[in-house]
Amino acid sequence: DAVSEKLELFYEEHNGLRDMLAVLTSRGNKE
């Protein structure tokens, strides 16, 4: 629970990262 909470916080704080990851994964799938 503590790790999940930290990951959620980290994930929320780095919301931009999610977008970048989504872009990267979509490019990798296209290539």
PDB file of all heavy atoms in Angstrom:
ATOM      1  N   ASP A   1       0.839  -1.202   0.000  1.00  0.00           N
ATOM      2  CA  ASP A   1       0.000   0.000   0.000  1.00  0.00           C
ATOM      3  C   ASP A   1       0.875   1.253   0.000  1.00  0.00           C
ATOM      4  O   ASP A   1       0.592   2.219  -0.722  1.00  0.00           O
ATOM      5  CB  ASP A   1      -0.941   0.016   1.218  1.00  0.00           C
ATOM      6  CG  ASP A   1      -2.057  -1.010   1.092  1.00  0.00           C
ATOM      7  OD1 ASP A   1      -2.292  -1.529  -0.028  1.00  0.00           O
ATOM      8  OD2 ASP A   1      -2.693  -1.326   2.133  1.00  0.00           O
ATOM      9  N   ALA A   2       1.940   1.224   0.797  1.00  0.00           N
ATOM     10  CA  ALA A   2       2.836   2.377   0.863  1.00  0.00           C
ATOM     11  C   ALA A   2       3.521   2.566  -0.482  1.00  0.00           C
ATOM     12  O   ALA A   2       3.641   3.700  -0.991  1.00  0.00           O
ATOM     13  CB  ALA A   2       3.874   2.182   1.968  1.00  0.00           C
ATOM     14  N   VAL A   3       3.994   1.497  -1.077  1.00  0.00           N
ATOM     15  CA  VAL A   3       4.668   1.588  -2.380  1.00  0.00           C
ATOM     16  C   VAL A   3       3.672   2.057  -3.437  1.00  0.00           C
ATOM     17  O   VAL A   3       3.991   2.913  -4.272  1.00  0.00           O
ATOM     18  CB  VAL A   3       5.302   0.222  -2.759  1.00  0.00           C
ATOM     19  CG1 VAL A   3       5.735   0.196  -4.205  1.00  0.00           C
ATOM     20  CG2 VAL A   3       6.469  -0.091  -1.845  1.00  0.00           C
ATOM     21  N   SER A   4       2.462   1.495  -3.401  1.00  0.00           N
ATOM     22  CA  SER A   4       1.445   1.901  -4.384  1.00  0.00           C
ATOM     23  C   SER A   4       1.128   3.382  -4.244  1.00  0.00           C
ATOM     24  O   SER A   4       0.981   4.105  -5.240  1.00  0.00           O
ATOM     25  CB  SER A   4       0.160   1.096  -4.197  1.00  0.00           C
ATOM     26  OG  SER A   4       0.389  -0.240  -4.537  1.00  0.00           O
ATOM     27  N   GLU A   5       1.022   3.813  -3.022  1.00  0.00           N
ATOM     28  CA  GLU A   5       0.722   5.217  -2.776  1.00  0.00           C
ATOM     29  C   GLU A   5       1.853   6.099  -3.299  1.00  0.00           C
ATOM     30  O   GLU A   5       1.616   7.122  -3.943  1.00  0.00           O
ATOM     31  CB  GLU A   5       0.528   5.435  -1.269  1.00  0.00           C
ATOM     32  CG  GLU A   5      -0.003   6.799  -0.921  1.00  0.00           C
ATOM     33  CD  GLU A   5      -0.227   6.939   0.566  1.00  0.00           C
ATOM     34  OE1 GLU A   5      -0.834   6.035   1.174  1.00  0.00           O
ATOM     35  OE2 GLU A   5       0.218   7.956   1.120  1.00  0.00           O
ATOM     36  N   LYS A   6       3.085   5.694  -3.049  1.00  0.00           N
ATOM     37  CA  LYS A   6       4.224   6.469  -3.529  1.00  0.00           C
ATOM     38  C   LYS A   6       4.260   6.478  -5.054  1.00  0.00           C
ATOM     39  O   LYS A   6       4.567   7.488  -5.683  1.00  0.00           O
ATOM     40  CB  LYS A   6       5.527   5.900  -2.985  1.00  0.00           C
ATOM     41  CG  LYS A   6       5.743   6.225  -1.524  1.00  0.00           C
ATOM     42  CD  LYS A   6       7.059   5.654  -1.047  1.00  0.00           C
ATOM     43  CE  LYS A   6       7.259   5.912   0.431  1.00  0.00           C
ATOM     44  NZ  LYS A   6       8.489   5.337   0.934  1.00  0.00           N
ATOM     45  N   LEU A   7       3.959   5.316  -5.638  1.00  0.00           N
ATOM     46  CA  LEU A   7       3.942   5.255  -7.107  1.00  0.00           C
ATOM     47  C   LEU A   7       2.846   6.152  -7.677  1.00  0.00           C
ATOM     48  O   LEU A   7       3.048   6.821  -8.692  1.00  0.00           O
ATOM     49  CB  LEU A   7       3.736   3.815  -7.587  1.00  0.00           C
ATOM     50  CG  LEU A   7       4.952   2.908  -7.529  1.00  0.00           C
ATOM     51  CD1 LEU A   7       4.552   1.480  -7.889  1.00  0.00           C
ATOM     52  CD2 LEU A   7       6.022   3.390  -8.472  1.00  0.00           C
ATOM     53  N   GLU A   8       1.708   6.158  -7.041  1.00  0.00           N
ATOM     54  CA  GLU A   8       0.610   7.021  -7.489  1.00  0.00           C
ATOM     55  C   GLU A   8       1.009   8.488  -7.384  1.00  0.00           C
ATOM     56  O   GLU A   8       0.769   9.270  -8.304  1.00  0.00           O
ATOM     57  CB  GLU A   8      -0.650   6.786  -6.649  1.00  0.00           C
ATOM     58  CG  GLU A   8      -1.447   5.583  -7.044  1.00  0.00           C
ATOM     59  CD  GLU A   8      -2.030   5.693  -8.444  1.00  0.00           C
ATOM     60  OE1 GLU A   8      -2.491   6.767  -8.867  1.00  0.00           O
ATOM     61  OE2 GLU A   8      -1.983   4.665  -9.139  1.00  0.00           O
ATOM     62  N   LEU A   9       1.632   8.819  -6.267  1.00  0.00           N
ATOM     63  CA  LEU A   9       2.085  10.189  -6.096  1.00  0.00           C
ATOM     64  C   LEU A   9       3.120  10.538  -7.160  1.00  0.00           C
ATOM     65  O   LEU A   9       3.076  11.602  -7.756  1.00  0.00           O
ATOM     66  CB  LEU A   9       2.700  10.399  -4.703  1.00  0.00           C
ATOM     67  CG  LEU A   9       1.706  10.550  -3.560  1.00  0.00           C
ATOM     68  CD1 LEU A   9       2.466  10.597  -2.231  1.00  0.00           C
ATOM     69  CD2 LEU A   9       0.911  11.825  -3.717  1.00  0.00           C
ATOM     70  N   PHE A  10       4.066   9.639  -7.343  1.00  0.00           N
ATOM     71  CA  PHE A  10       5.090   9.857  -8.334  1.00  0.00           C
ATOM     72  C   PHE A  10       4.456   9.990  -9.715  1.00  0.00           C
ATOM     73  O   PHE A  10       4.827  10.849 -10.509  1.00  0.00           O
ATOM     74  CB  PHE A  10       6.094   8.689  -8.297  1.00  0.00           C
ATOM     75  CG  PHE A  10       7.199   8.827  -9.272  1.00  0.00           C
ATOM     76  CD1 PHE A  10       8.265   9.696  -9.019  1.00  0.00           C
ATOM     77  CD2 PHE A  10       7.200   8.133 -10.484  1.00  0.00           C
ATOM     78  CE1 PHE A  10       9.286   9.830  -9.934  1.00  0.00           C
ATOM     79  CE2 PHE A  10       8.227   8.270 -11.378  1.00  0.00           C
ATOM     80  CZ  PHE A  10       9.280   9.112 -11.114  1.00  0.00           C
ATOM     81  N   TYR A  11       3.519   9.160  -9.978  1.00  0.00           N
ATOM     82  CA  TYR A  11       2.850   9.148 -11.268  1.00  0.00           C
ATOM     83  C   TYR A  11       2.054  10.438 -11.457  1.00  0.00           C
ATOM     84  O   TYR A  11       2.076  11.021 -12.525  1.00  0.00           O
ATOM     85  CB  TYR A  11       1.940   7.919 -11.328  1.00  0.00           C
ATOM     86  CG  TYR A  11       1.356   7.631 -12.676  1.00  0.00           C
ATOM     87  CD1 TYR A  11       2.166   7.297 -13.746  1.00  0.00           C
ATOM     88  CD2 TYR A  11      -0.025   7.705 -12.899  1.00  0.00           C
ATOM     89  CE1 TYR A  11       1.618   7.038 -14.977  1.00  0.00           C
ATOM     90  CE2 TYR A  11      -0.567   7.444 -14.129  1.00  0.00           C
ATOM     91  CZ  TYR A  11       0.261   7.093 -15.160  1.00  0.00           C
ATOM     92  OH  TYR A  11      -0.267   6.824 -16.390  1.00  0.00           O
ATOM     93  N   GLU A  12       1.396  10.874 -10.438  1.00  0.00           N
ATOM     94  CA  GLU A  12       0.627  12.111 -10.523  1.00  0.00           C
ATOM     95  C   GLU A  12       1.552  13.319 -10.651  1.00  0.00           C
ATOM     96  O   GLU A  12       1.258  14.256 -11.378  1.00  0.00           O
ATOM     97  CB  GLU A  12      -0.272  12.281  -9.292  1.00  0.00           C
ATOM     98  CG  GLU A  12      -1.468  11.379  -9.318  1.00  0.00           C
ATOM     99  CD  GLU A  12      -2.303  11.501  -8.058  1.00  0.00           C
ATOM    100  OE1 GLU A  12      -2.128  12.454  -7.274  1.00  0.00           O
ATOM    101  OE2 GLU A  12      -3.131  10.615  -7.859  1.00  0.00           O
ATOM    102  N   GLU A  13       2.644  13.305  -9.944  1.00  0.00           N
ATOM    103  CA  GLU A  13       3.580  14.412 -10.019  1.00  0.00           C
ATOM    104  C   GLU A  13       4.238  14.464 -11.393  1.00  0.00           C
ATOM    105  O   GLU A  13       4.599  15.519 -11.875  1.00  0.00           O
ATOM    106  CB  GLU A  13       4.671  14.274  -8.947  1.00  0.00           C
ATOM    107  CG  GLU A  13       4.182  14.580  -7.559  1.00  0.00           C
ATOM    108  CD  GLU A  13       5.254  14.355  -6.516  1.00  0.00           C
ATOM    109  OE1 GLU A  13       6.417  14.010  -6.860  1.00  0.00           O
ATOM    110  OE2 GLU A  13       4.929  14.512  -5.339  1.00  0.00           O
ATOM    111  N   HIS A  14       4.396  13.391 -11.943  1.00  0.00           N
ATOM    112  CA  HIS A  14       5.054  13.341 -13.245  1.00  0.00           C
ATOM    113  C   HIS A  14       4.057  12.952 -14.312  1.00  0.00           C
ATOM    114  O   HIS A  14       4.265  12.024 -15.081  1.00  0.00           O
ATOM    115  CB  HIS A  14       6.228  12.355 -13.203  1.00  0.00           C
ATOM    116  CG  HIS A  14       7.258  12.732 -12.213  1.00  0.00           C
ATOM    117  ND1 HIS A  14       7.191  12.414 -10.899  1.00  0.00           N
ATOM    118  CD2 HIS A  14       8.401  13.465 -12.355  1.00  0.00           C
ATOM    119  CE1 HIS A  14       8.238  12.884 -10.264  1.00  0.00           C
ATOM    120  NE2 HIS A  14       8.987  13.558 -11.156  1.00  0.00           N
ATOM    121  N   ASN A  15       2.988  13.697 -14.380  1.00  0.00           N
ATOM    122  CA  ASN A  15       1.908  13.446 -15.319  1.00  0.00           C
ATOM    123  C   ASN A  15       2.425  13.619 -16.743  1.00  0.00           C
ATOM    124  O   ASN A  15       1.985  12.920 -17.653  1.00  0.00           O
ATOM    125  CB  ASN A  15       0.761  14.407 -15.044  1.00  0.00           C
ATOM    126  CG  ASN A  15      -0.561  13.846 -15.505  1.00  0.00           C
ATOM    127  OD1 ASN A  15      -0.626  12.719 -15.965  1.00  0.00           O
ATOM    128  ND2 ASN A  15      -1.576  14.639 -15.397  1.00  0.00           N
ATOM    129  N   GLY A  16       3.324  14.476 -16.918  1.00  0.00           N
ATOM    130  CA  GLY A  16       3.898  14.717 -18.230  1.00  0.00           C
ATOM    131  C   GLY A  16       4.633  13.484 -18.709  1.00  0.00           C
ATOM    132  O   GLY A  16       4.733  13.219 -19.907  1.00  0.00           O
ATOM    133  N   LEU A  17       5.138  12.806 -17.829  1.00  0.00           N
ATOM    134  CA  LEU A  17       5.846  11.582 -18.185  1.00  0.00           C
ATOM    135  C   LEU A  17       4.905  10.592 -18.827  1.00  0.00           C
ATOM    136  O   LEU A  17       5.285   9.874 -19.740  1.00  0.00           O
ATOM    137  CB  LEU A  17       6.431  10.945 -16.916  1.00  0.00           C
ATOM    138  CG  LEU A  17       7.918  11.159 -16.747  1.00  0.00           C
ATOM    139  CD1 LEU A  17       8.302  11.014 -15.292  1.00  0.00           C
ATOM    140  CD2 LEU A  17       8.686  10.182 -17.553  1.00  0.00           C
ATOM    141  N   ARG A  18       3.698  10.580 -18.347  1.00  0.00           N
ATOM    142  CA  ARG A  18       2.719   9.650 -18.889  1.00  0.00           C
ATOM    143  C   ARG A  18       2.482   9.951 -20.364  1.00  0.00           C
ATOM    144  O   ARG A  18       2.428   9.050 -21.189  1.00  0.00           O
ATOM    145  CB  ARG A  18       1.416   9.785 -18.118  1.00  0.00           C
ATOM    146  CG  ARG A  18       0.463   8.674 -18.415  1.00  0.00           C
ATOM    147  CD  ARG A  18      -0.867   8.792 -17.766  1.00  0.00           C
ATOM    148  NE  ARG A  18      -0.846   9.146 -16.359  1.00  0.00           N
ATOM    149  CZ  ARG A  18      -1.901   9.435 -15.656  1.00  0.00           C
ATOM    150  NH1 ARG A  18      -3.094   9.420 -16.187  1.00  0.00           N
ATOM    151  NH2 ARG A  18      -1.825   9.760 -14.422  1.00  0.00           N
ATOM    152  N   ASP A  19       2.397  11.202 -20.639  1.00  0.00           N
ATOM    153  CA  ASP A  19       2.174  11.583 -22.015  1.00  0.00           C
ATOM    154  C   ASP A  19       3.367  11.195 -22.870  1.00  0.00           C
ATOM    155  O   ASP A  19       3.225  10.707 -23.990  1.00  0.00           O
ATOM    156  CB  ASP A  19       1.922  13.108 -22.129  1.00  0.00           C
ATOM    157  CG  ASP A  19       0.602  13.508 -21.479  1.00  0.00           C
ATOM    158  OD1 ASP A  19      -0.281  12.607 -21.340  1.00  0.00           O
ATOM    159  OD2 ASP A  19       0.470  14.661 -21.083  1.00  0.00           O
ATOM    160  N   MET A  20       4.544  11.402 -22.345  1.00  0.00           N
ATOM    161  CA  MET A  20       5.749  11.053 -23.080  1.00  0.00           C
ATOM    162  C   MET A  20       5.831   9.545 -23.287  1.00  0.00           C
ATOM    163  O   MET A  20       6.226   9.076 -24.356  1.00  0.00           O
ATOM    164  CB  MET A  20       7.004  11.523 -22.317  1.00  0.00           C
ATOM    165  CG  MET A  20       7.237  12.971 -22.578  1.00  0.00           C
ATOM    166  SD  MET A  20       8.641  13.743 -21.785  1.00  0.00           S
ATOM    167  CE  MET A  20       9.841  12.703 -21.423  1.00  0.00           C
ATOM    168  N   LEU A  21       5.464   8.869 -22.325  1.00  0.00           N
ATOM    169  CA  LEU A  21       5.503   7.415 -22.428  1.00  0.00           C
ATOM    170  C   LEU A  21       4.491   6.945 -23.454  1.00  0.00           C
ATOM    171  O   LEU A  21       4.757   6.024 -24.223  1.00  0.00           O
ATOM    172  CB  LEU A  21       5.218   6.747 -21.071  1.00  0.00           C
ATOM    173  CG  LEU A  21       6.359   6.708 -20.088  1.00  0.00           C
ATOM    174  CD1 LEU A  21       5.892   6.157 -18.749  1.00  0.00           C
ATOM    175  CD2 LEU A  21       7.482   5.863 -20.600  1.00  0.00           C
ATOM    176  N   ALA A  22       3.372   7.577 -23.453  1.00  0.00           N
ATOM    177  CA  ALA A  22       2.347   7.176 -24.397  1.00  0.00           C
ATOM    178  C   ALA A  22       2.821   7.448 -25.805  1.00  0.00           C
ATOM    179  O   ALA A  22       2.615   6.654 -26.718  1.00  0.00           O
ATOM    180  CB  ALA A  22       1.064   7.923 -24.111  1.00  0.00           C
ATOM    181  N   VAL A  23       3.496   8.578 -26.020  1.00  0.00           N
ATOM    182  CA  VAL A  23       3.989   8.940 -27.334  1.00  0.00           C
ATOM    183  C   VAL A  23       5.076   7.947 -27.733  1.00  0.00           C
ATOM    184  O   VAL A  23       5.123   7.492 -28.878  1.00  0.00           O
ATOM    185  CB  VAL A  23       4.520  10.388 -27.328  1.00  0.00           C
ATOM    186  CG1 VAL A  23       5.253  10.739 -28.604  1.00  0.00           C
ATOM    187  CG2 VAL A  23       3.384  11.353 -27.109  1.00  0.00           C
ATOM    188  N   LEU A  24       5.953   7.630 -26.818  1.00  0.00           N
ATOM    189  CA  LEU A  24       7.060   6.720 -27.118  1.00  0.00           C
ATOM    190  C   LEU A  24       6.551   5.332 -27.448  1.00  0.00           C
ATOM    191  O   LEU A  24       7.057   4.682 -28.361  1.00  0.00           O
ATOM    192  CB  LEU A  24       8.036   6.633 -25.943  1.00  0.00           C
ATOM    193  CG  LEU A  24       8.972   7.831 -25.788  1.00  0.00           C
ATOM    194  CD1 LEU A  24       9.803   7.656 -24.524  1.00  0.00           C
ATOM    195  CD2 LEU A  24       9.894   7.953 -26.968  1.00  0.00           C
ATOM    196  N   THR A  25       5.607   4.892 -26.726  1.00  0.00           N
ATOM    197  CA  THR A  25       5.086   3.562 -26.998  1.00  0.00           C
ATOM    198  C   THR A  25       4.317   3.533 -28.302  1.00  0.00           C
ATOM    199  O   THR A  25       4.344   2.533 -29.019  1.00  0.00           O
ATOM    200  CB  THR A  25       4.152   3.074 -25.872  1.00  0.00           C
ATOM    201  OG1 THR A  25       3.301   4.077 -25.463  1.00  0.00           O
ATOM    202  CG2 THR A  25       4.934   2.514 -24.728  1.00  0.00           C
ATOM    203  N   SER A  26       3.655   4.642 -28.656  1.00  0.00           N
ATOM    204  CA  SER A  26       2.931   4.642 -29.909  1.00  0.00           C
ATOM    205  C   SER A  26       3.915   4.700 -31.069  1.00  0.00           C
ATOM    206  O   SER A  26       3.676   4.084 -32.117  1.00  0.00           O
ATOM    207  CB  SER A  26       1.928   5.788 -29.980  1.00  0.00           C
ATOM    208  OG  SER A  26       2.578   7.021 -29.901  1.00  0.00           O
ATOM    209  N   ARG A  27       5.033   5.370 -30.962  1.00  0.00           N
ATOM    210  CA  ARG A  27       6.038   5.399 -32.007  1.00  0.00           C
ATOM    211  C   ARG A  27       6.683   4.039 -32.191  1.00  0.00           C
ATOM    212  O   ARG A  27       6.960   3.625 -33.300  1.00  0.00           O
ATOM    213  CB  ARG A  27       7.142   6.391 -31.640  1.00  0.00           C
ATOM    214  CG  ARG A  27       6.879   7.764 -32.073  1.00  0.00           C
ATOM    215  CD  ARG A  27       8.150   8.512 -31.922  1.00  0.00           C
ATOM    216  NE  ARG A  27       7.892   9.910 -31.744  1.00  0.00           N
ATOM    217  CZ  ARG A  27       8.755  10.784 -31.400  1.00  0.00           C
ATOM    218  NH1 ARG A  27       9.968  10.441 -31.103  1.00  0.00           N
ATOM    219  NH2 ARG A  27       8.447  12.030 -31.342  1.00  0.00           N
ATOM    220  N   GLY A  28       6.953   3.377 -31.048  1.00  0.00           N
ATOM    221  CA  GLY A  28       7.593   2.071 -31.114  1.00  0.00           C
ATOM    222  C   GLY A  28       6.695   1.061 -31.785  1.00  0.00           C
ATOM    223  O   GLY A  28       7.151   0.172 -32.493  1.00  0.00           O
ATOM    224  N   ASN A  29       5.408   1.269 -31.646  1.00  0.00           N
ATOM    225  CA  ASN A  29       4.473   0.328 -32.234  1.00  0.00           C
ATOM    226  C   ASN A  29       4.356   0.578 -33.733  1.00  0.00           C
ATOM    227  O   ASN A  29       4.117  -0.330 -34.497  1.00  0.00           O
ATOM    228  CB  ASN A  29       3.075   0.453 -31.597  1.00  0.00           C
ATOM    229  CG  ASN A  29       3.036  -0.123 -30.214  1.00  0.00           C
ATOM    230  OD1 ASN A  29       3.886  -0.944 -29.880  1.00  0.00           O
ATOM    231  ND2 ASN A  29       2.094   0.339 -29.415  1.00  0.00           N
ATOM    232  N   LYS A  30       4.572   1.867 -34.141  1.00  0.00           N
ATOM    233  CA  LYS A  30       4.468   2.212 -35.541  1.00  0.00           C
ATOM    234  C   LYS A  30       5.697   1.752 -36.292  1.00  0.00           C
ATOM    235  O   LYS A  30       5.643   1.414 -37.460  1.00  0.00           O
ATOM    236  CB  LYS A  30       4.296   3.731 -35.746  1.00  0.00           C
ATOM    237  CG  LYS A  30       2.977   4.224 -35.293  1.00  0.00           C
ATOM    238  CD  LYS A  30       2.902   5.684 -35.538  1.00  0.00           C
ATOM    239  CE  LYS A  30       1.643   6.284 -35.009  1.00  0.00           C
ATOM    240  NZ  LYS A  30       1.494   7.666 -35.181  1.00  0.00           N
ATOM    241  N   GLU A  31       6.769   1.793 -35.714  1.00  0.00           N
ATOM    242  CA  GLU A  31       8.001   1.438 -36.398  1.00  0.00           C
ATOM    243  C   GLU A  31       8.108  -0.009 -36.423  1.00  0.00           C
ATOM    244  O   GLU A  31       8.265  -0.881 -36.990  1.00  0.00           O
ATOM    245  CB  GLU A  31       9.200   2.005 -35.668  1.00  0.00           C
ATOM    246  CG  GLU A  31       9.268   3.453 -35.750  1.00  0.00           C
ATOM    247  CD  GLU A  31      10.454   3.959 -34.976  1.00  0.00           C
ATOM    248  OE1 GLU A  31      11.330   3.200 -34.556  1.00  0.00           O
ATOM    249  OE2 GLU A  31      10.517   5.131 -34.797  1.00  0.00           O
TER     250      GLU A  31
END
